[in-house]
Amino acid sequence: MTTSHLLHTLNQLITEQRNKHSMNLDRLSALEIVTLMNQEDKQIPIAIEQCLPQIAQAVDNIVTAFKQGGRLIYIGAGTSGRLGILDASECPPTFGVSSEMVKGLIAGGEHAIRHPVEGAEDNTKAAITDLQSIEFSARDILVGIAASGRTPYVISGLEYANQLGATTVAIVSNPQSHMASVANIAIETIVGAEVLTGSSRLKSGTAQKLVLNMLTTASMVLIGKCYQNLMVDVQASNEKLRARAIRIVMQATDCSAEQAERVLIAADYQTKVAIIMQLSGKTKIEAEGLLVQNQGRIATSLSQ
């Protein structure tokens, strides 16, 4: 792409426009700057509200992928790639899933998580290589993330996933983008121009983070990773998380801290198993069997 063509493209993007409310940004006080940013940030949930049907559609497809043994894969460059990696890295400790179930790919590889990699977002071949390296298949779902909606690395990944027959999703902050036209599902969070012109890590990045929160949390809830509103598949891998597991059992069963700890020890600190044991009087083996029969759902297990 020539410089003139790229300039023309950027001129059309809402995320690259100058924000009329921040034209004097360099003359504001600290309080005035953060007040302005706060006012602009209030647009984000409103923009996301317009996309809830598409987000729910993506969630349904992610759940289907999970149930078929597939994975959720994020792909992005720069801030977008880092946010995908962040969301993926939070899933194992939060929901007790394998680190392979949700993965994030970033243009330029792991080095790009902390350092800019020249030309990485323009490398279309790298996207295909990165997906092939994790053996991406039609069972998986690919979510491309890019505020501009034009990142070549991400578009290439989406096109490759489409060729395999996988479901594809685009999260963008500009309307009628190339990415949106490529993906099966387009989530367009139109948050407007940034306070600092072109700095899409601000409103666009926040919108991306909120959407990613929805995708993984809603999907995990729907595959049985919570009971009521409790995070019952938490991995008690340190003192804080062990205390959280005790508290979860207390909240779910209305028992004392001492009893919650006893039943957790008997359940090998499997919080779901401990809850069923406490509420039903089942043994550890019986509780584990019920969870297997009922796809990990505590409420269904307790009704049997």
Protein backbone atom coordinates (compact mmCIF):
# COMPACT_ATOMS: atom_id res chain seq x y z
CA MET A 1 0.00 0.00 0.00
CA THR A 2 1.42 3.40 -1.00
CA THR A 3 1.78 6.22 1.52
CA SER A 4 -0.89 8.28 -0.24
CA HIS A 5 -3.31 5.34 -0.20
CA LEU A 6 -2.63 4.72 3.48
CA LEU A 7 -3.13 8.40 4.31
CA HIS A 8 -6.45 8.33 2.46
CA THR A 9 -7.49 5.20 4.39
CA LEU A 10 -6.56 6.69 7.77
CA ASN A 11 -8.43 9.88 6.95
CA GLN A 12 -11.64 7.85 6.63
CA LEU A 13 -11.33 6.17 10.05
CA ILE A 14 -13.33 7.57 12.96
CA THR A 15 -10.62 6.37 15.36
CA GLU A 16 -8.08 8.58 13.55
CA GLN A 17 -10.16 11.78 13.58
CA ARG A 18 -9.41 14.69 15.88
CA ASN A 19 -11.77 14.93 18.85
CA LYS A 20 -13.39 18.37 18.93
CA HIS A 21 -13.64 18.20 22.73
CA SER A 22 -9.89 17.82 23.24
CA MET A 23 -8.44 20.33 20.79
CA ASN A 24 -6.80 22.22 23.68
CA LEU A 25 -5.64 19.06 25.49
CA ASP A 26 -2.08 20.34 25.91
CA ARG A 27 -3.33 23.39 27.83
CA LEU A 28 -5.47 21.56 30.39
CA SER A 29 -4.66 20.83 34.02
CA ALA A 30 -4.36 17.28 35.32
CA LEU A 31 -7.90 17.41 36.72
CA GLU A 32 -9.28 18.84 33.47
CA ILE A 33 -7.56 16.12 31.41
CA VAL A 34 -8.84 13.22 33.49
CA THR A 35 -12.33 14.80 33.68
CA LEU A 36 -12.42 15.04 29.89
CA MET A 37 -11.23 11.45 29.53
CA ASN A 38 -13.88 10.30 31.97
CA GLN A 39 -16.59 12.12 30.01
CA GLU A 40 -15.42 10.52 26.76
CA ASP A 41 -15.23 7.08 28.37
CA LYS A 42 -18.94 7.27 29.19
CA GLN A 43 -19.62 6.69 25.50
CA ILE A 44 -18.10 3.20 25.63
CA PRO A 45 -20.91 1.20 27.31
CA ILE A 46 -23.45 2.97 25.10
CA ALA A 47 -21.53 1.89 22.00
CA ILE A 48 -21.26 -1.68 23.27
CA GLU A 49 -25.00 -1.78 24.00
CA GLN A 50 -25.62 -1.42 20.28
CA CYS A 51 -23.57 -4.59 19.69
CA LEU A 52 -25.11 -6.92 22.28
CA PRO A 53 -26.94 -9.13 19.74
CA GLN A 54 -23.69 -9.69 17.83
CA ILE A 55 -21.76 -10.32 21.05
CA ALA A 56 -24.37 -12.88 22.14
CA GLN A 57 -24.16 -14.54 18.72
CA ALA A 58 -20.41 -14.81 19.12
CA VAL A 59 -20.84 -16.31 22.61
CA ASP A 60 -23.22 -18.96 21.27
CA ASN A 61 -20.66 -19.90 18.64
CA ILE A 62 -17.85 -20.03 21.20
CA VAL A 63 -19.93 -22.34 23.41
CA THR A 64 -20.57 -24.59 20.41
CA ALA A 65 -16.84 -24.67 19.67
CA PHE A 66 -16.00 -25.54 23.27
CA LYS A 67 -18.55 -28.37 23.33
CA GLN A 68 -17.02 -29.80 20.17
CA GLY A 69 -13.53 -29.74 21.65
CA GLY A 70 -12.60 -26.54 19.85
CA ARG A 71 -10.80 -23.47 21.15
CA LEU A 72 -11.26 -19.70 21.26
CA ILE A 73 -8.35 -17.97 19.56
CA TYR A 74 -7.76 -14.22 19.60
CA ILE A 75 -5.59 -12.54 16.98
CA GLY A 76 -4.47 -8.92 16.94
CA ALA A 77 -1.58 -6.48 16.65
CA GLY A 78 -0.28 -3.98 19.20
CA THR A 79 -2.77 -3.06 21.91
CA SER A 80 -5.44 -5.32 20.41
CA GLY A 81 -3.13 -8.32 20.44
CA ARG A 82 -2.05 -7.63 24.00
CA LEU A 83 -5.66 -7.42 25.17
CA GLY A 84 -6.42 -10.78 23.57
CA ILE A 85 -3.44 -12.34 25.33
CA LEU A 86 -4.50 -10.77 28.64
CA ASP A 87 -8.03 -12.14 28.40
CA ALA A 88 -6.78 -15.59 27.42
CA SER A 89 -4.27 -15.67 30.29
CA GLU A 90 -7.00 -14.92 32.83
CA CYS A 91 -9.15 -17.92 31.86
CA PRO A 92 -7.14 -20.76 33.49
CA PRO A 93 -7.01 -19.24 37.02
CA THR A 94 -10.57 -17.90 36.84
CA PHE A 95 -12.36 -20.87 35.31
CA GLY A 96 -9.99 -23.79 35.87
CA VAL A 97 -9.58 -24.48 32.15
CA SER A 98 -6.52 -25.55 30.19
CA SER A 99 -4.27 -22.78 28.89
CA GLU A 100 -4.93 -24.24 25.43
CA MET A 101 -8.68 -23.56 25.56
CA VAL A 102 -8.36 -19.80 25.04
CA LYS A 103 -5.23 -18.47 23.34
CA GLY A 104 -4.04 -15.10 22.10
CA LEU A 105 -1.85 -14.47 19.07
CA ILE A 106 -0.08 -11.15 18.53
CA ALA A 107 1.65 -9.90 15.40
CA GLY A 108 5.38 -10.18 15.98
CA GLY A 109 5.11 -12.99 18.52
CA GLU A 110 5.87 -12.92 22.25
CA HIS A 111 8.50 -10.18 21.87
CA ALA A 112 5.72 -7.87 20.64
CA ILE A 113 3.85 -8.16 23.95
CA ARG A 114 6.32 -5.68 25.48
CA HIS A 115 8.12 -4.21 22.50
CA PRO A 116 7.00 -2.86 19.11
CA VAL A 117 8.00 -5.08 16.19
CA GLU A 118 8.53 -3.17 12.96
CA GLY A 119 6.20 -4.24 10.17
CA ALA A 120 4.56 -7.00 12.20
CA GLU A 121 0.98 -5.84 11.67
CA ASP A 122 1.53 -5.77 7.89
CA ASN A 123 2.87 -9.33 7.71
CA THR A 124 0.00 -11.33 6.22
CA LYS A 125 2.01 -14.55 5.88
CA ALA A 126 2.87 -14.50 9.59
CA ALA A 127 -0.81 -14.71 10.56
CA ILE A 128 -1.21 -17.94 8.64
CA THR A 129 2.05 -19.32 10.03
CA ASP A 130 0.99 -18.41 13.59
CA LEU A 131 -2.37 -20.14 13.18
CA GLN A 132 -0.77 -23.21 11.64
CA SER A 133 1.72 -23.35 14.52
CA ILE A 134 -1.15 -23.91 16.98
CA GLU A 135 -2.89 -26.30 14.57
CA PHE A 136 -5.91 -24.04 14.15
CA SER A 137 -8.82 -25.98 12.65
CA ALA A 138 -12.47 -25.71 11.66
CA ARG A 139 -13.50 -26.72 15.20
CA ASP A 140 -11.93 -23.54 16.60
CA ILE A 141 -13.30 -19.99 16.54
CA LEU A 142 -11.12 -17.02 15.61
CA VAL A 143 -11.74 -13.54 17.00
CA GLY A 144 -9.86 -10.79 15.19
CA ILE A 145 -9.31 -7.60 17.16
CA ALA A 146 -8.34 -4.27 15.56
CA ALA A 147 -9.68 -0.80 16.28
CA SER A 148 -9.06 0.31 12.70
CA GLY A 149 -10.65 -2.76 11.12
CA ARG A 150 -7.90 -2.75 8.47
CA THR A 151 -4.89 -4.51 10.07
CA PRO A 152 -3.44 -6.82 7.36
CA TYR A 153 -2.13 -9.42 9.84
CA VAL A 154 -5.59 -9.83 11.39
CA ILE A 155 -7.47 -9.83 8.09
CA SER A 156 -5.15 -12.52 6.74
CA GLY A 157 -5.81 -14.66 9.81
CA LEU A 158 -9.58 -14.27 9.44
CA GLU A 159 -9.44 -15.16 5.76
CA TYR A 160 -7.38 -18.27 6.50
CA ALA A 161 -9.83 -19.33 9.22
CA ASN A 162 -12.73 -18.82 6.79
CA GLN A 163 -11.02 -21.07 4.26
CA LEU A 164 -10.86 -23.82 6.88
CA GLY A 165 -14.55 -23.43 7.66
CA ALA A 166 -14.08 -22.02 11.15
CA THR A 167 -16.37 -19.36 12.62
CA THR A 168 -14.78 -15.90 12.57
CA VAL A 169 -15.54 -12.77 14.60
CA ALA A 170 -14.26 -9.21 14.15
CA ILE A 171 -14.08 -6.65 16.96
CA VAL A 172 -13.55 -3.20 15.43
CA SER A 173 -14.16 0.45 16.27
CA ASN A 174 -14.88 1.77 12.79
CA PRO A 175 -18.04 1.13 10.76
CA GLN A 176 -18.06 -0.78 7.46
CA SER A 177 -14.49 -2.01 7.85
CA HIS A 178 -12.71 -4.63 5.76
CA MET A 179 -12.44 -6.86 8.82
CA ALA A 180 -16.18 -6.67 9.44
CA SER A 181 -16.87 -7.75 5.86
CA VAL A 182 -14.48 -10.71 6.16
CA ALA A 183 -15.76 -12.08 9.48
CA ASN A 184 -18.92 -14.14 9.98
CA ILE A 185 -19.86 -11.95 12.96
CA ALA A 186 -18.97 -8.25 13.20
CA ILE A 187 -18.89 -6.50 16.57
CA GLU A 188 -18.53 -2.79 15.78
CA THR A 189 -17.98 -0.70 18.92
CA ILE A 190 -18.14 2.82 17.49
CA VAL A 191 -16.76 4.88 20.38
CA GLY A 192 -15.71 7.93 18.34
CA ALA A 193 -12.49 9.88 18.12
CA GLU A 194 -9.93 9.48 20.88
CA VAL A 195 -9.00 12.24 23.34
CA LEU A 196 -5.42 11.84 22.14
CA THR A 197 -5.77 11.63 18.38
CA GLY A 198 -5.18 8.13 17.02
CA SER A 199 -4.35 6.59 20.42
CA SER A 200 -6.72 3.66 20.05
CA ARG A 201 -5.51 2.09 23.30
CA LEU A 202 -7.91 4.52 25.00
CA LYS A 203 -11.66 4.30 24.22
CA SER A 204 -11.25 1.66 21.52
CA GLY A 205 -9.00 -0.47 23.72
CA THR A 206 -11.38 -0.17 26.66
CA ALA A 207 -14.29 -1.22 24.46
CA GLN A 208 -12.28 -4.22 23.26
CA LYS A 209 -11.49 -5.26 26.83
CA LEU A 210 -15.15 -5.04 27.85
CA VAL A 211 -16.25 -7.13 24.86
CA LEU A 212 -13.57 -9.76 25.57
CA ASN A 213 -14.77 -9.91 29.19
CA MET A 214 -18.25 -10.68 27.88
CA LEU A 215 -17.13 -13.30 25.38
CA THR A 216 -15.18 -15.44 27.82
CA THR A 217 -17.29 -14.90 30.93
CA ALA A 218 -20.62 -15.59 29.24
CA SER A 219 -19.20 -18.59 27.41
CA MET A 220 -17.73 -20.08 30.58
CA VAL A 221 -20.99 -19.56 32.46
CA LEU A 222 -22.88 -21.37 29.71
CA ILE A 223 -20.58 -24.39 29.86
CA GLY A 224 -21.09 -24.75 33.62
CA LYS A 225 -18.16 -22.82 35.07
CA CYS A 226 -20.26 -21.04 37.68
CA TYR A 227 -22.93 -21.84 40.27
CA GLN A 228 -25.44 -19.05 40.90
CA ASN A 229 -22.99 -16.18 40.41
CA LEU A 230 -20.04 -17.88 42.11
CA MET A 231 -16.70 -18.62 40.42
CA VAL A 232 -16.77 -22.29 41.38
CA ASP A 233 -14.02 -23.57 39.10
CA VAL A 234 -11.37 -21.32 40.62
CA GLN A 235 -8.01 -23.07 41.01
CA ALA A 236 -6.87 -22.78 44.63
CA SER A 237 -3.19 -22.47 43.71
CA ASN A 238 -2.13 -19.93 46.35
CA GLU A 239 -3.20 -18.69 49.79
CA LYS A 240 -5.51 -16.00 48.43
CA LEU A 241 -7.26 -18.41 46.07
CA ARG A 242 -7.57 -21.07 48.78
CA ALA A 243 -9.26 -18.46 50.97
CA ARG A 244 -11.50 -17.55 48.05
CA ALA A 245 -12.44 -21.21 47.59
CA ILE A 246 -13.39 -21.44 51.26
CA ARG A 247 -15.49 -18.30 50.94
CA ILE A 248 -17.21 -19.63 47.79
CA VAL A 249 -18.17 -22.87 49.54
CA MET A 250 -19.47 -20.86 52.52
CA GLN A 251 -21.56 -18.64 50.23
CA ALA A 252 -22.91 -21.55 48.20
CA THR A 253 -23.82 -23.76 51.15
CA ASP A 254 -24.27 -21.36 54.08
CA CYS A 255 -21.75 -23.29 56.17
CA SER A 256 -18.99 -22.10 58.49
CA ALA A 257 -15.44 -21.40 57.39
CA GLU A 258 -14.24 -24.43 59.36
CA GLN A 259 -16.73 -26.75 57.64
CA ALA A 260 -15.97 -25.26 54.23
CA GLU A 261 -12.27 -25.94 54.70
CA ARG A 262 -12.92 -29.50 55.90
CA VAL A 263 -15.07 -30.38 52.91
CA LEU A 264 -12.62 -28.72 50.52
CA ILE A 265 -9.80 -30.81 51.91
CA ALA A 266 -11.95 -33.93 51.51
CA ALA A 267 -12.67 -32.84 47.91
CA ASP A 268 -8.97 -32.20 47.14
CA TYR A 269 -9.82 -28.52 46.91
CA GLN A 270 -12.19 -29.06 43.98
CA THR A 271 -14.68 -26.34 44.81
CA LYS A 272 -17.55 -27.77 42.75
CA VAL A 273 -17.14 -31.19 44.29
CA ALA A 274 -17.00 -29.69 47.78
CA ILE A 275 -20.25 -27.78 47.23
CA ILE A 276 -22.12 -30.89 46.09
CA MET A 277 -20.70 -32.92 48.98
CA GLN A 278 -21.78 -30.28 51.49
CA LEU A 279 -25.27 -29.77 50.07
CA SER A 280 -26.13 -33.38 49.23
CA GLY A 281 -24.09 -35.52 51.60
CA LYS A 282 -22.56 -37.32 48.61
CA THR A 283 -19.06 -38.75 48.72
CA LYS A 284 -16.25 -37.23 46.69
CA ILE A 285 -16.50 -39.99 44.07
CA GLU A 286 -20.29 -39.65 43.85
CA ALA A 287 -20.05 -35.87 43.49
CA GLU A 288 -17.42 -36.17 40.77
CA GLY A 289 -19.61 -38.65 38.92
CA LEU A 290 -22.61 -36.34 39.04
CA LEU A 291 -20.56 -33.49 37.61
CA VAL A 292 -19.34 -35.67 34.75
CA GLN A 293 -22.93 -36.76 33.98
CA ASN A 294 -24.17 -33.17 34.00
CA GLN A 295 -21.41 -31.41 32.05
CA GLY A 296 -20.04 -29.76 35.17
CA ARG A 297 -23.28 -28.06 36.21
CA ILE A 298 -23.79 -27.98 39.95
CA ALA A 299 -27.50 -27.05 39.88
CA THR A 300 -28.37 -29.96 37.60
CA SER A 301 -26.22 -32.33 39.66
CA LEU A 302 -27.99 -31.33 42.85
CA SER A 303 -31.42 -32.01 41.33
CA GLN A 304 -30.63 -35.70 40.87
